[in-house]
Amino acid sequence: MATAATATAENDKPAAGDPPVLEARGIVKRFGHVEALRGADFTVGKGEVVALIGDNGAGKSTLIKTLSGVHAPDEGEIRVGGRPVHFATPVDARRAGVETVYQDLAVADDLSVAANLYLGREILRSGPLGRLGLLDKRAMRQGAAAALAELGVRIPRVTTPIAMLSGGQRQCVAVARAIIWATNVVILDEPTAALGVVQTGRVLDVVRRARDAGMSVVLVSHNMPQVLEIADRVEVLRLGRRAARLRADEVTTDDLVAAMTGSSGAERD
């Protein structure tokens, strides 16, 4: 069995001619005198779930906010499909096919499930009514129902207000919205942190379905058993840098903790 000390990046590189779907190279991000990222690297390939882990203060939140357009890097490069990109805003990241779900979900409680799925991407009615800004609510209801069914998300009705759903259902809707609109990568920041066992299982099922359909998923988590259950690979951040890249099926939770704390001796791979 590989350990954090023996794992190398060579085994996890994308095949020749197949660039990573999303890649960070040497990202540096400073906030005043604090250097949150110190040359961080990160890679996710097509159709894989990559867990991003690290101790508090390792730079995980800063890295995903940089990858999703919230922060602009001070140094380094972000690539999508092998091509350098510049995300000035989260809208730029979404246009590049990178969708992010943060812990606060950013769902509108008073709107229906269907309205939340199409929030900011509403379908207008055809003809003069559409030019007047009237929405095609029927088309959005039908599209939402089909998309949720494909992802295995179970809710009472797509017309149900978000406020009436359970925590797990709300999280599933938020994750599903990101998956539906992403064309490259979905980044999930602690998607099951506040959920029970059953609700967690349903969210992870949605992630598996997305991966099986060819979507790339980045999972930020502190739950090591969950990481090993759902992830194909694990990238470890420590002190603002990538400390290790590991195959989830070749390591244990002890290996992950060792890589996070530096006790394995593997500063970089």
Foldseek 3Di string as FASTA:
>chain_A
DDFQLRDDCVVVADPPPFAFQKKWFQFWADDVPRILAGGAIDTWHWLFEEEEEADPSLNPVVVVCCLQQNDWTPDTFMDGRRHTDGRPHNVRNLVSQEAEAAPVLPADQAFFLLCRLCPVPFAADDDPRSVVPHGPVVVSQVVSVVLCVLLVQDDPGRRHGNNPDDLLSSLQSSQSSSLVRGPEEYEYEASPVPHDDVSVVSSLSSVNSSSVVTYYYYYYDPDQVVCLVRGQKYWYGGNNYTQGIGGSVPYDSVSNVCSNVVVSVRRDD
